[in-house]
Protein backbone atom coordinates (compact mmCIF):
# COMPACT_ATOMS: atom_id res chain seq x y z
CA MET A 1 26.94 -23.52 5.12
CA ASP A 2 29.38 -20.63 5.58
CA LYS A 3 32.82 -21.10 4.02
CA LYS A 4 34.61 -19.04 6.60
CA ASN A 5 37.95 -17.57 5.54
CA GLU A 6 38.24 -19.81 2.51
CA ASN A 7 39.20 -18.05 -0.71
CA PRO A 8 40.07 -19.97 -3.86
CA ASP A 9 42.46 -17.22 -5.02
CA PRO A 10 45.81 -17.62 -3.17
CA SER A 11 46.74 -14.03 -4.00
CA GLN A 12 43.92 -12.91 -1.73
CA ARG A 13 45.00 -14.93 1.32
CA PRO A 14 47.29 -13.33 3.92
CA SER A 15 50.70 -14.93 4.39
CA SER A 16 51.08 -16.92 7.59
CA GLY A 17 52.18 -14.78 10.51
CA CYS A 18 51.95 -11.48 8.63
CA HIS A 19 48.96 -9.17 8.46
CA ARG A 20 50.62 -6.99 5.79
CA ALA A 21 50.03 -9.67 3.20
CA TYR A 22 49.03 -7.55 0.22
CA SER A 23 51.23 -4.47 0.24
CA ARG A 24 54.25 -6.68 1.05
CA GLN A 25 53.86 -8.30 -2.35
CA ILE A 26 54.36 -4.92 -3.98
CA PHE A 27 56.63 -2.92 -1.69
CA ASP A 28 59.00 -5.28 0.18
CA GLY A 29 62.45 -6.27 -1.10
CA ALA A 30 65.07 -4.64 -3.30
CA MET A 31 63.32 -5.72 -6.48
CA ARG A 32 60.29 -3.64 -5.45
CA ALA A 33 62.03 -0.26 -5.65
CA PRO A 34 60.17 0.82 -8.82
CA ASN A 35 56.86 -0.02 -7.12
CA ARG A 36 57.75 2.05 -4.08
CA SER A 37 59.01 5.00 -6.10
CA MET A 38 55.51 5.58 -7.45
CA LEU A 39 54.31 6.49 -3.95
CA TYR A 40 56.94 9.05 -2.91
CA PRO A 41 55.09 11.84 -4.78
CA LEU A 42 51.95 10.91 -2.80
CA GLY A 43 53.61 11.72 0.52
CA PHE A 44 55.03 8.32 1.56
CA GLN A 45 58.26 8.20 3.58
CA LYS A 46 60.83 5.42 3.14
CA GLN A 47 60.25 3.85 6.55
CA GLU A 48 56.49 3.61 5.96
CA PHE A 49 56.82 0.90 3.34
CA ALA A 50 58.06 -1.62 5.89
CA GLN A 51 56.11 -0.42 8.90
CA LYS A 52 52.63 0.65 7.82
CA ASP A 53 49.59 -1.10 6.47
CA LEU A 54 48.16 0.36 3.29
CA ILE A 55 44.44 1.10 3.60
CA GLY A 56 42.36 2.23 0.64
CA ILE A 57 39.55 4.75 1.07
CA ALA A 58 37.01 3.90 -1.64
CA SER A 59 35.06 7.12 -2.16
CA THR A 60 31.87 7.42 -4.22
CA TRP A 61 32.08 11.21 -4.32
CA SER A 62 30.64 13.00 -7.34
CA GLN A 63 28.56 15.99 -8.27
CA VAL A 64 25.92 13.99 -10.13
CA THR A 65 23.70 13.58 -7.07
CA PRO A 66 23.21 15.28 -3.69
CA CYS A 67 23.50 11.85 -2.06
CA ASN A 68 27.25 11.84 -2.72
CA MET A 69 28.23 15.49 -3.12
CA HIS A 70 29.80 15.66 0.37
CA ILE A 71 31.61 12.32 0.42
CA ASP A 72 34.98 13.78 -0.59
CA GLY A 73 35.09 15.44 2.83
CA LEU A 74 34.06 12.22 4.56
CA ALA A 75 36.80 10.34 2.71
CA ARG A 76 39.39 12.79 4.02
CA GLU A 77 38.10 12.25 7.56
CA ALA A 78 38.38 8.47 7.15
CA ALA A 79 41.90 8.86 5.78
CA ALA A 80 42.84 10.97 8.79
CA GLY A 81 41.56 8.21 11.07
CA VAL A 82 43.67 5.63 9.23
CA ASN A 83 46.80 7.77 9.52
CA GLU A 84 46.18 8.51 13.20
CA ALA A 85 45.98 4.75 13.82
CA GLY A 86 49.48 4.28 12.41
CA ALA A 87 48.52 2.98 8.96
CA LYS A 88 48.73 4.76 5.62
CA ALA A 89 45.62 5.86 3.68
CA LEU A 90 45.16 6.20 -0.06
CA ILE A 91 41.90 7.70 -1.37
CA PHE A 92 40.51 6.51 -4.68
CA ASN A 93 37.18 7.02 -6.41
CA THR A 94 34.53 4.94 -8.04
CA ILE A 95 31.34 5.96 -9.80
CA THR A 96 27.81 6.66 -8.73
CA VAL A 97 24.64 7.39 -10.66
CA SER A 98 21.56 9.18 -9.42
CA ASP A 99 18.41 7.08 -9.34
CA GLY A 100 16.36 10.18 -8.58
CA ILE A 101 17.60 12.00 -11.68
CA SER A 102 17.46 9.01 -14.04
CA MET A 103 14.12 7.71 -12.70
CA GLY A 104 11.47 7.22 -15.36
CA THR A 105 13.97 7.59 -18.21
CA GLU A 106 16.14 5.34 -20.34
CA GLY A 107 19.01 6.29 -18.04
CA MET A 108 17.48 4.28 -15.18
CA LYS A 109 18.52 1.12 -17.01
CA TYR A 110 22.07 1.88 -15.89
CA SER A 111 21.20 2.05 -12.19
CA LEU A 112 21.46 -1.61 -11.22
CA VAL A 113 24.30 -2.00 -13.71
CA SER A 114 26.22 0.56 -11.65
CA ARG A 115 26.19 -1.81 -8.66
CA GLU A 116 28.34 -4.22 -10.64
CA VAL A 117 30.60 -1.49 -12.04
CA ILE A 118 31.24 -0.19 -8.52
CA ALA A 119 31.95 -3.66 -7.12
CA ASP A 120 34.30 -4.44 -10.00
CA SER A 121 36.14 -1.13 -9.76
CA VAL A 122 36.72 -1.24 -5.98
CA GLU A 123 37.92 -4.84 -6.24
CA THR A 124 40.18 -3.93 -9.17
CA VAL A 125 41.91 -0.99 -7.48
CA ALA A 126 42.33 -2.68 -4.09
CA ALA A 127 43.77 -5.86 -5.60
CA ALA A 128 45.98 -4.11 -8.15
CA GLU A 129 47.49 -1.71 -5.60
CA GLY A 130 48.05 -4.31 -2.89
CA MET A 131 45.88 -2.71 -0.25
CA ASP A 132 45.81 -4.42 3.14
CA GLY A 133 42.42 -3.05 4.13
CA LEU A 134 39.62 -0.77 3.02
CA VAL A 135 37.16 1.86 4.14
CA ALA A 136 34.32 2.12 1.59
CA ILE A 137 32.03 5.15 1.70
CA GLY A 138 28.71 5.07 -0.16
CA GLY A 139 25.82 7.48 -0.17
CA CYS A 140 23.27 6.28 -2.73
CA ASP A 141 21.29 3.16 -3.49
CA LYS A 142 23.65 1.07 -5.65
CA ASN A 143 27.06 2.17 -4.45
CA MET A 144 26.28 0.77 -1.01
CA PRO A 145 25.74 -2.88 -2.02
CA GLY A 146 28.40 -2.40 -4.70
CA CYS A 147 30.93 -1.57 -1.99
CA LEU A 148 29.81 -4.53 0.14
CA ILE A 149 30.09 -6.93 -2.79
CA ALA A 150 33.66 -5.73 -3.36
CA LEU A 151 34.56 -6.10 0.34
CA ALA A 152 33.10 -9.61 0.28
CA ARG A 153 35.01 -10.65 -2.83
CA LEU A 154 38.32 -9.24 -1.59
CA ASN A 155 37.89 -10.57 1.95
CA ARG A 156 40.36 -7.99 3.26
CA PRO A 157 39.71 -6.18 6.55
CA GLY A 158 37.28 -3.40 5.79
CA VAL A 159 34.61 -1.06 7.11
CA PHE A 160 31.65 0.45 5.29
CA VAL A 161 30.55 4.02 6.00
CA TYR A 162 27.17 5.41 4.96
CA GLY A 163 27.24 8.98 3.68
CA GLY A 164 24.08 9.71 5.65
CA SER A 165 20.47 10.76 5.22
CA ILE A 166 19.38 14.15 3.95
CA LEU A 167 17.37 16.62 6.00
CA PRO A 168 13.74 16.98 4.87
CA GLY A 169 12.59 19.84 2.68
CA CYS A 170 9.72 22.09 3.69
CA HIS A 171 6.63 23.24 1.79
CA HIS A 172 3.96 25.32 3.54
CA GLY A 173 5.22 24.05 6.90
CA LYS A 174 5.05 20.40 5.84
CA LYS A 175 8.10 18.14 5.53
CA ILE A 176 8.61 16.92 1.96
CA ASP A 177 11.14 14.85 0.02
CA ILE A 178 11.83 13.49 -3.44
CA VAL A 179 8.80 11.16 -3.40
CA SER A 180 6.61 14.20 -2.70
CA VAL A 181 7.67 15.49 -6.13
CA PHE A 182 6.88 12.24 -7.94
CA GLU A 183 3.44 12.07 -6.29
CA ALA A 184 2.82 15.74 -7.10
CA VAL A 185 3.09 14.84 -10.80
CA GLY A 186 0.12 12.48 -10.41
CA SER A 187 -1.85 15.04 -8.40
CA GLN A 188 -1.22 17.70 -11.03
CA ALA A 189 -2.34 15.33 -13.80
CA LYS A 190 -5.55 14.66 -11.87
CA GLY A 191 -6.18 18.38 -11.51
CA ASP A 192 -5.71 18.54 -7.75
CA LEU A 193 -2.52 20.61 -7.94
CA SER A 194 -1.55 23.62 -10.03
CA VAL A 195 1.58 23.71 -12.17
CA GLU A 196 2.90 26.54 -9.99
CA GLU A 197 2.35 24.59 -6.78
CA MET A 198 4.06 21.54 -8.24
CA ALA A 199 7.05 23.68 -9.22
CA ASP A 200 7.19 25.04 -5.67
CA ILE A 201 7.28 21.49 -4.23
CA GLU A 202 9.96 20.56 -6.75
CA SER A 203 12.21 23.45 -5.76
CA HIS A 204 11.98 22.81 -2.00
CA ALA A 205 12.15 18.99 -1.75
CA ILE A 206 15.96 18.58 -1.69
CA PRO A 207 17.61 21.08 0.69
CA GLY A 208 21.21 19.79 0.61
CA PRO A 209 23.56 16.78 0.76
CA GLY A 210 22.48 13.29 1.74
CA ALA A 211 20.40 10.35 0.55
CA CYS A 212 16.61 10.41 0.25
CA GLY A 213 15.21 10.91 3.73
CA GLY A 214 12.62 8.16 4.22
CA MET A 215 13.09 4.43 4.67
CA TYR A 216 13.94 4.23 1.01
CA THR A 217 16.69 2.04 -0.43
CA ALA A 218 19.75 3.99 0.78
CA ASN A 219 18.58 4.20 4.40
CA THR A 220 17.30 0.64 4.27
CA MET A 221 20.67 -0.65 3.08
CA ALA A 222 22.56 1.49 5.59
CA CYS A 223 20.62 -0.10 8.44
CA ALA A 224 20.95 -3.57 6.91
CA ILE A 225 24.72 -3.14 6.59
CA GLU A 226 25.01 -2.06 10.23
CA ALA A 227 22.95 -5.10 11.21
CA LEU A 228 25.29 -7.24 9.09
CA GLY A 229 28.12 -5.95 11.26
CA MET A 230 30.02 -4.14 8.49
CA SER A 231 29.45 -0.59 9.81
CA LEU A 232 30.27 0.91 13.19
CA PRO A 233 27.41 1.00 15.72
CA GLY A 234 24.98 3.88 15.22
CA SER A 235 26.58 5.05 11.99
CA SER A 236 23.64 4.16 9.74
CA THR A 237 21.44 6.88 11.23
CA GLU A 238 24.02 9.65 11.51
CA LEU A 239 22.83 12.44 9.20
CA ALA A 240 24.89 13.47 6.19
CA ILE A 241 25.46 16.98 7.50
CA SER A 242 26.35 16.39 11.12
CA LYS A 243 29.35 16.42 13.40
CA GLU A 244 28.55 12.80 14.27
CA LYS A 245 29.07 11.73 10.66
CA GLN A 246 32.51 13.35 10.50
CA ILE A 247 33.53 11.78 13.81
CA GLY A 248 32.15 8.42 12.63
CA CYS A 249 34.24 8.52 9.44
CA ARG A 250 37.42 9.15 11.39
CA ALA A 251 36.50 6.28 13.73
CA ALA A 252 35.93 4.02 10.72
CA GLY A 253 39.47 4.70 9.51
CA LYS A 254 40.87 3.72 12.89
CA ALA A 255 38.65 0.65 13.01
CA ALA A 256 39.96 -0.58 9.64
CA ALA A 257 43.54 -0.44 10.95
CA GLN A 258 42.50 -2.32 14.08
CA LEU A 259 40.78 -5.01 12.01
CA ILE A 260 44.04 -5.65 10.17
CA ASP A 261 45.92 -5.96 13.46
CA ARG A 262 43.35 -8.41 14.78
CA GLY A 263 43.04 -10.37 11.54
CA ILE A 264 39.27 -9.85 11.30
CA ARG A 265 37.98 -10.06 7.78
CA PRO A 266 34.55 -9.92 6.06
CA ARG A 267 34.16 -13.71 6.09
CA ASP A 268 34.39 -13.61 9.89
CA ILE A 269 31.52 -11.11 9.97
CA LEU A 270 29.28 -11.87 6.98
CA THR A 271 27.92 -15.18 8.22
CA ARG A 272 24.56 -16.79 7.68
CA LYS A 273 23.37 -15.45 11.05
CA ALA A 274 24.50 -11.93 10.12
CA PHE A 275 22.31 -12.03 7.01
CA GLU A 276 19.37 -13.18 9.11
CA ASN A 277 19.98 -10.15 11.34
CA ALA A 278 19.97 -7.84 8.31
CA ILE A 279 16.70 -9.28 6.98
CA THR A 280 15.12 -8.91 10.43
CA VAL A 281 16.03 -5.22 10.57
CA VAL A 282 14.73 -4.59 7.05
CA MET A 283 11.40 -6.15 8.04
CA ALA A 284 11.11 -4.21 11.30
CA LEU A 285 11.77 -0.94 9.47
CA GLY A 286 9.36 -1.55 6.59
CA GLY A 287 12.37 -1.18 4.29
CA SER A 288 12.82 -1.21 0.54
CA THR A 289 12.30 -4.32 -1.58
CA ASN A 290 15.67 -3.55 -3.16
CA ALA A 291 17.18 -4.97 0.03
CA VAL A 292 16.09 -8.41 -1.18
CA LEU A 293 18.04 -8.05 -4.41
CA HIS A 294 21.12 -6.57 -2.73
CA LEU A 295 21.36 -8.92 0.25
CA LEU A 296 21.09 -11.91 -2.10
CA ALA A 297 23.93 -10.46 -4.18
CA ILE A 298 26.18 -9.76 -1.17
CA ALA A 299 25.54 -13.27 0.15
CA HIS A 300 26.46 -14.66 -3.26
CA ALA A 301 29.76 -12.73 -3.18
CA ILE A 302 30.67 -14.07 0.28
CA GLU A 303 29.39 -17.60 -0.55
CA VAL A 304 26.65 -17.73 2.07
CA GLU A 305 23.50 -19.58 1.03
CA LEU A 306 20.55 -17.17 1.03
CA SER A 307 17.26 -17.37 -0.85
CA LEU A 308 13.87 -15.74 -1.19
CA ASP A 309 12.51 -18.30 1.26
CA ASP A 310 14.72 -16.83 4.00
CA PHE A 311 12.94 -13.50 3.60
CA ARG A 312 9.65 -15.35 3.65
CA GLN A 313 10.40 -17.23 6.87
CA ILE A 314 11.89 -14.28 8.76
CA GLY A 315 9.05 -12.04 7.65
CA LYS A 316 6.56 -14.36 9.32
CA ARG A 317 8.01 -13.68 12.77
CA VAL A 318 9.15 -10.03 12.57
CA PRO A 319 6.60 -7.20 12.85
CA VAL A 320 6.83 -3.83 11.08
CA LEU A 321 7.56 -1.33 13.86
CA ALA A 322 8.74 1.85 12.10
CA ASP A 323 6.28 4.54 11.02
CA LEU A 324 8.67 5.93 8.43
CA LYS A 325 8.12 7.25 4.91
CA PRO A 326 7.11 6.36 2.23
CA SER A 327 4.02 4.71 3.75
CA GLY A 328 4.54 6.22 7.21
CA ARG A 329 4.68 9.72 8.67
CA PHE A 330 8.29 10.31 9.70
CA THR A 331 11.72 10.81 8.16
CA VAL A 332 15.04 9.28 9.13
CA ALA A 333 16.07 12.71 10.44
CA ASP A 334 13.17 12.46 12.91
CA TRP A 335 14.29 8.97 13.88
CA ALA A 336 17.89 10.08 14.36
CA GLU A 337 16.74 12.67 16.90
CA ILE A 338 15.36 9.94 19.19
CA GLY A 339 18.34 7.58 18.93
CA GLY A 340 18.28 6.00 15.48
CA LEU A 341 18.97 2.30 14.97
CA PRO A 342 20.77 1.10 18.17
CA PRO A 343 17.70 1.19 20.47
CA LEU A 344 15.72 -0.78 17.87
CA LEU A 345 18.49 -3.40 17.68
CA ARG A 346 18.41 -3.64 21.47
CA ARG A 347 14.63 -4.15 21.42
CA LEU A 348 14.87 -6.83 18.74
CA LEU A 349 17.59 -8.57 20.71
CA GLY A 350 15.39 -8.48 23.80
CA LYS A 351 12.69 -10.34 21.89
CA GLY A 352 15.12 -12.96 20.66
CA LEU A 353 14.80 -11.82 17.03
CA LEU A 354 18.51 -11.13 16.43
CA HIS A 355 21.68 -13.19 16.82
CA GLY A 356 23.57 -11.14 19.38
CA ASP A 357 26.75 -13.18 19.14
CA CYS A 358 27.60 -12.05 15.60
CA LEU A 359 30.98 -10.34 15.26
CA THR A 360 31.10 -6.78 13.87
CA VAL A 361 33.72 -4.36 12.56
CA SER A 362 33.95 -2.77 16.00
CA GLY A 363 35.66 -5.99 17.12
CA ARG A 364 32.72 -6.60 19.44
CA THR A 365 29.53 -8.58 18.98
CA LEU A 366 26.24 -7.04 17.96
CA ALA A 367 24.91 -7.46 21.50
CA GLU A 368 27.98 -5.77 22.98
CA ASN A 369 27.63 -2.86 20.55
CA VAL A 370 24.14 -1.92 21.75
CA GLU A 371 24.46 -2.96 25.39
CA GLY A 372 24.73 0.59 26.69
CA SER A 373 22.30 2.29 24.28
CA ALA A 374 19.36 4.12 25.84
CA ASP A 375 15.81 3.23 24.84
CA TYR A 376 13.63 5.61 22.87
CA PRO A 377 11.73 8.38 24.71
CA ALA A 378 8.42 7.15 26.09
CA ASP A 379 6.33 9.64 24.12
CA GLN A 380 7.81 9.01 20.64
CA GLU A 381 5.63 7.56 17.85
CA ILE A 382 8.26 6.65 15.26
CA ILE A 383 9.18 3.15 16.48
CA LEU A 384 6.09 1.44 17.82
CA PRO A 385 6.05 -1.20 20.59
CA PHE A 386 5.73 -4.88 19.78
CA GLU A 387 2.28 -4.85 21.38
CA ARG A 388 0.86 -2.56 18.66
CA PRO A 389 2.95 -2.88 15.50
CA ILE A 390 2.08 -1.29 12.19
CA LYS A 391 1.89 -4.82 10.80
CA PRO A 392 2.24 -8.03 12.85
CA MET A 393 4.37 -9.69 10.17
CA GLY A 394 6.92 -8.43 7.67
CA HIS A 395 5.80 -6.17 4.83
CA ILE A 396 7.96 -7.94 2.23
CA VAL A 397 5.97 -10.93 1.04
CA ILE A 398 7.41 -13.58 -1.28
CA LEU A 399 4.78 -14.76 -3.76
CA ARG A 400 4.79 -17.75 -6.07
CA GLY A 401 2.28 -19.21 -8.48
CA ASN A 402 1.74 -19.85 -12.16
CA LEU A 403 2.65 -16.22 -12.93
CA ALA A 404 5.90 -16.32 -10.92
CA PRO A 405 7.15 -19.92 -10.60
CA LEU A 406 10.54 -18.79 -9.25
CA GLY A 407 9.12 -16.10 -7.02
CA ALA A 408 8.10 -12.46 -6.83
CA VAL A 409 8.53 -9.76 -4.20
CA ALA A 410 5.59 -7.76 -2.88
CA LYS A 411 5.79 -4.76 -0.57
CA LEU A 412 2.57 -4.67 1.46
CA THR A 413 2.41 -2.65 4.66
CA GLY A 414 -1.17 -3.70 5.32
CA LYS A 415 -2.67 -0.35 4.36
CA GLU A 416 -3.25 -1.59 0.78
CA GLY A 417 -5.13 -4.73 1.76
CA LEU A 418 -3.95 -8.31 1.43
CA ARG A 419 -5.79 -9.53 -1.67
CA PHE A 420 -6.48 -8.07 -5.09
CA THR A 421 -8.17 -9.51 -8.16
CA GLY A 422 -8.46 -7.49 -11.33
CA SER A 423 -8.16 -7.34 -15.09
CA ALA A 424 -4.75 -7.12 -16.71
CA ARG A 425 -3.81 -3.93 -18.50
CA VAL A 426 -0.57 -4.83 -20.24
CA PHE A 427 2.35 -2.54 -21.13
CA GLU A 428 5.66 -3.39 -22.77
CA SER A 429 7.55 -0.60 -20.99
CA GLU A 430 7.46 1.76 -18.03
CA GLU A 431 6.90 4.78 -20.27
CA ALA A 432 3.79 3.31 -21.86
CA ALA A 433 2.33 2.48 -18.45
CA LEU A 434 3.05 5.93 -17.02
CA SER A 435 1.37 7.66 -19.94
CA SER A 436 -1.79 5.58 -19.54
CA ILE A 437 -1.90 6.18 -15.77
CA LEU A 438 -1.57 9.94 -16.20
CA ASN A 439 -4.13 10.23 -19.02
CA GLY A 440 -6.78 8.23 -17.16
CA THR A 441 -6.69 5.05 -19.27
CA VAL A 442 -5.88 3.01 -16.15
CA VAL A 443 -9.01 2.70 -14.03
CA LYS A 444 -10.21 1.14 -10.80
CA GLY A 445 -9.95 -2.65 -10.86
CA ASP A 446 -6.98 -2.81 -13.23
CA VAL A 447 -3.85 -4.85 -12.63
CA ILE A 448 -1.14 -2.86 -14.38
CA VAL A 449 1.33 -5.29 -15.99
CA ILE A 450 4.72 -3.82 -16.94
CA ARG A 451 6.98 -6.38 -18.60
CA TYR A 452 10.31 -6.61 -20.40
CA GLU A 453 11.81 -4.50 -17.62
CA GLY A 454 13.69 -7.32 -15.85
CA PRO A 455 17.47 -7.70 -15.48
CA GLN A 456 17.86 -9.09 -19.01
CA GLY A 457 14.75 -7.63 -20.61
CA GLY A 458 15.32 -4.00 -19.69
CA PRO A 459 18.14 -4.59 -19.56
CA GLY A 460 18.84 -3.24 -16.11
CA MET A 461 15.63 -3.83 -14.14
CA ARG A 462 14.41 -0.25 -13.83
CA GLU A 463 12.60 0.99 -10.72
CA MET A 464 8.93 1.79 -11.22
CA LEU A 465 8.74 4.86 -8.96
CA SER A 466 7.17 7.06 -11.63
CA PRO A 467 4.21 4.72 -12.32
CA THR A 468 3.62 3.88 -8.65
CA SER A 469 3.82 7.54 -7.63
CA ALA A 470 1.43 8.48 -10.45
CA VAL A 471 -1.01 5.83 -9.18
CA MET A 472 -0.84 7.30 -5.67
CA GLY A 473 -1.06 10.86 -6.95
CA ARG A 474 -4.23 10.04 -8.91
CA GLY A 475 -5.79 8.53 -5.80
CA LEU A 476 -5.81 4.94 -7.10
CA GLY A 477 -3.53 3.45 -4.46
CA LYS A 478 -6.17 1.06 -3.10
CA ASP A 479 -8.00 0.55 -6.39
CA VAL A 480 -5.34 -0.83 -8.73
CA ALA A 481 -2.39 -3.19 -8.45
CA LEU A 482 0.89 -3.02 -10.36
CA ILE A 483 3.03 -6.04 -11.19
CA THR A 484 6.32 -6.15 -13.06
CA ASP A 485 9.52 -8.07 -13.72
CA GLY A 486 11.24 -4.78 -12.96
CA ARG A 487 11.77 -3.54 -9.44
CA PHE A 488 10.63 -0.71 -7.21
CA SER A 489 12.20 2.30 -5.62
CA GLY A 490 12.27 2.34 -1.85
CA GLY A 491 9.88 5.25 -2.27
CA SER A 492 7.22 3.11 -3.98
CA HIS A 493 4.11 2.12 -2.09
CA GLY A 494 0.68 0.80 -2.94
CA PHE A 495 -0.38 -2.69 -4.04
CA VAL A 496 2.82 -3.53 -5.93
CA VAL A 497 4.60 -6.76 -6.89
CA GLY A 498 8.01 -6.82 -8.57
CA HIS A 499 10.99 -9.07 -9.32
CA ILE A 500 8.66 -11.54 -11.07
CA ALA A 501 10.76 -14.54 -12.08
CA PRO A 502 11.34 -15.92 -14.59
CA GLU A 503 11.16 -12.51 -16.25
CA ALA A 504 9.28 -11.99 -19.50
CA ALA A 505 12.43 -11.74 -21.63
CA ALA A 506 13.49 -15.19 -20.37
CA GLY A 507 10.16 -16.72 -21.36
CA GLY A 508 8.41 -16.39 -18.02
CA PRO A 509 4.60 -16.54 -17.94
CA LEU A 510 4.44 -12.74 -17.60
CA ALA A 511 5.32 -12.64 -21.31
CA ILE A 512 2.01 -14.19 -22.39
CA VAL A 513 -0.44 -12.16 -20.27
CA GLN A 514 -3.07 -10.41 -22.41
CA ASN A 515 -5.31 -7.43 -21.78
CA GLY A 516 -8.38 -8.51 -19.85
CA ASP A 517 -6.86 -11.65 -18.29
CA ARG A 518 -7.81 -11.99 -14.65
CA ILE A 519 -4.98 -11.88 -12.13
CA THR A 520 -5.17 -12.60 -8.40
CA ILE A 521 -2.61 -11.47 -5.84
CA ASP A 522 -3.12 -13.08 -2.42
CA ALA A 523 -0.62 -12.08 0.27
CA GLU A 524 -2.09 -14.44 2.85
CA ALA A 525 -1.83 -17.44 0.52
CA GLU A 526 1.52 -16.06 -0.78
CA GLU A 527 0.33 -16.54 -4.33
CA ILE A 528 0.20 -14.61 -7.60
CA ARG A 529 -2.00 -16.35 -10.13
CA LEU A 530 -3.02 -15.88 -13.74
CA GLU A 531 -6.58 -17.15 -13.99
CA LEU A 532 -5.95 -19.38 -16.99
CA SER A 533 -5.72 -23.14 -17.39
CA ASP A 534 -2.31 -24.79 -17.54
CA GLU A 535 -3.15 -25.83 -21.09
CA GLU A 536 -3.85 -22.26 -22.20
CA ILE A 537 -0.67 -20.99 -20.57
CA ALA A 538 1.34 -23.73 -22.29
CA ARG A 539 -0.31 -22.93 -25.64
CA ARG A 540 0.54 -19.25 -25.39
CA LEU A 541 4.11 -19.94 -24.27
CA SER A 542 4.69 -22.30 -27.21
CA ALA A 543 3.67 -19.49 -29.58
CA TRP A 544 5.81 -16.84 -27.86
CA ASN A 545 9.02 -15.54 -29.40
CA PRO A 546 11.50 -13.38 -27.46
CA PRO A 547 11.73 -9.78 -28.65
CA ALA A 548 15.01 -8.62 -30.13
CA SER A 549 17.11 -6.50 -27.82
CA ARG A 550 17.77 -2.90 -28.80
CA TYR A 551 21.22 -3.11 -27.19
CA GLN A 552 23.92 -4.87 -29.19
CA ARG A 553 27.00 -2.95 -27.98
CA GLY A 554 28.22 -1.28 -24.82
CA VAL A 555 27.53 -1.63 -21.12
CA LEU A 556 23.88 -2.63 -21.36
CA ALA A 557 24.62 -5.32 -23.94
CA LYS A 558 27.39 -6.78 -21.75
CA TYR A 559 25.15 -6.66 -18.69
CA ARG A 560 22.31 -8.37 -20.53
CA ALA A 561 24.63 -11.19 -21.59
CA GLN A 562 25.94 -11.77 -18.06
CA VAL A 563 23.15 -11.02 -15.59
CA GLY A 564 21.17 -13.72 -13.83
CA SER A 565 17.62 -13.84 -12.50
CA ALA A 566 16.24 -11.44 -9.91
CA HIS A 567 15.33 -14.33 -7.61
CA LEU A 568 19.09 -14.96 -7.22
CA GLY A 569 20.02 -11.30 -6.78
CA ALA A 570 20.65 -10.34 -10.42
CA VAL A 571 24.34 -11.21 -10.05
CA THR A 572 26.79 -11.22 -12.94
CA ASP A 573 29.46 -13.68 -11.85
CA GLY A 574 30.19 -16.97 -10.13
CA GLU A 575 29.32 -20.65 -10.25
CA ARG A 576 25.70 -20.11 -9.27
CA LEU A 577 25.15 -17.98 -12.38
CA SER A 578 26.68 -20.74 -14.50
CA ARG A 579 24.35 -23.33 -12.95
CA GLU A 580 21.35 -21.08 -13.50
CA ARG A 581 22.18 -20.57 -17.17
CA ARG A 582 22.59 -24.33 -17.68
């Protein structure tokens, strides 16, 4: 049940009859003169303290990734929109890390950790500085849910803005992207691609600013957040380098000021029905499995009950309609040219698959937002009709069984098949698995098992894009399966199962799998099964001892001590985490 507009922290509840609840605490009254004096150097005028709402612009700008390299300019546009609306904007920064750069390395262990650091930092600044509202701008995989978690915790009027998708690169007249590079590594190892050709692909895959251009995690989450109602209509498919994105940022600033005036806060928007809308859109788009992890975490922050079974049930009634990369043919830039997300929302509404009465940050309902949107051109092939979907049911399948008693997440578009039985080939890390895939040790019929890569075991739950791309590059996509307590990049495809819970480091059955054990993955039966007797599994578990962690200090050690299970969103705070640990 939704706990609408209830917050146990009285400091985060607006005072009755006053929408300037937060900045008033800091700036109003004679005793607040020292507080106010700190803002004169930033351009504040005396009369603004009493008259204007203070709206923070949470920017994830940095030069560590092309996804976010342009966001400083977008933050300034959002600030201009706030000021034009009669409020006062203050820009502040939080971190981002690059999944694409850290992928396949020890650094990737910090990726999911960064979601929590971002959420904590945005919450910290907004609460400490008494901000009345927020515009949060994210451009890469983890800063997007990190911003949403912060908005949910704060429950102050706020709007999320997506930094936008990148344009595709080009190689010999063919559109390419970052996943093309990862798959080229496998092709080169197989001997199908020269070192020179691989270097040419590498140098042309990323042409400029913006997030990875397929229906990978960033674009998946952007569309999910718009479906949640926390972004302005159409903003999730505005490209990073476009006039529309600049205009949309300015509009977001104005919208944040209007939300304060109207008293509309995240708990009015992030309802149970809104999360069902987001899951529906993720399924229709063939989106990233990371959406499961992130939507569970956002729901936890806003205190809406959501579980893996919700993805399971919604997936049974929502078809995959988008022929987008990584398993499809088109990029988000192609999709943007024909109208982007709004026409798809309108189609889903027409089929009764969305809750049209959900409130959004525009101040209107979801149905009202898309009411005037045109349909896609008749000759387009990117979003298919309901009569001939890519897959009649959702591609994200929730599996359970003696290998994953608490659940696992499979991404199956239908092109990989629906059932796989093979012999386990076990690896204790991503690096060991990748080496054996590239050198030919992994062969047809294997089930690649990568363990101790979960939230606690990694720690950090690395994405397995390097191994899955190597599998595809070596031409084994239909001949092997890969299972892990880690997770997958939105760019991963093939017969893959992740988020296995309990994870190996917590004593889950994955910890006792041995080379040669038979494993069955059955998407139709929604089962992942280790072909051993209950007695043998119990015997092995009784003899198992957890490995010592390499991390005793620092961020990863703190994360390992706090993080919960993937089946609950890998969250690091709250009563639910306490119950889980008990």
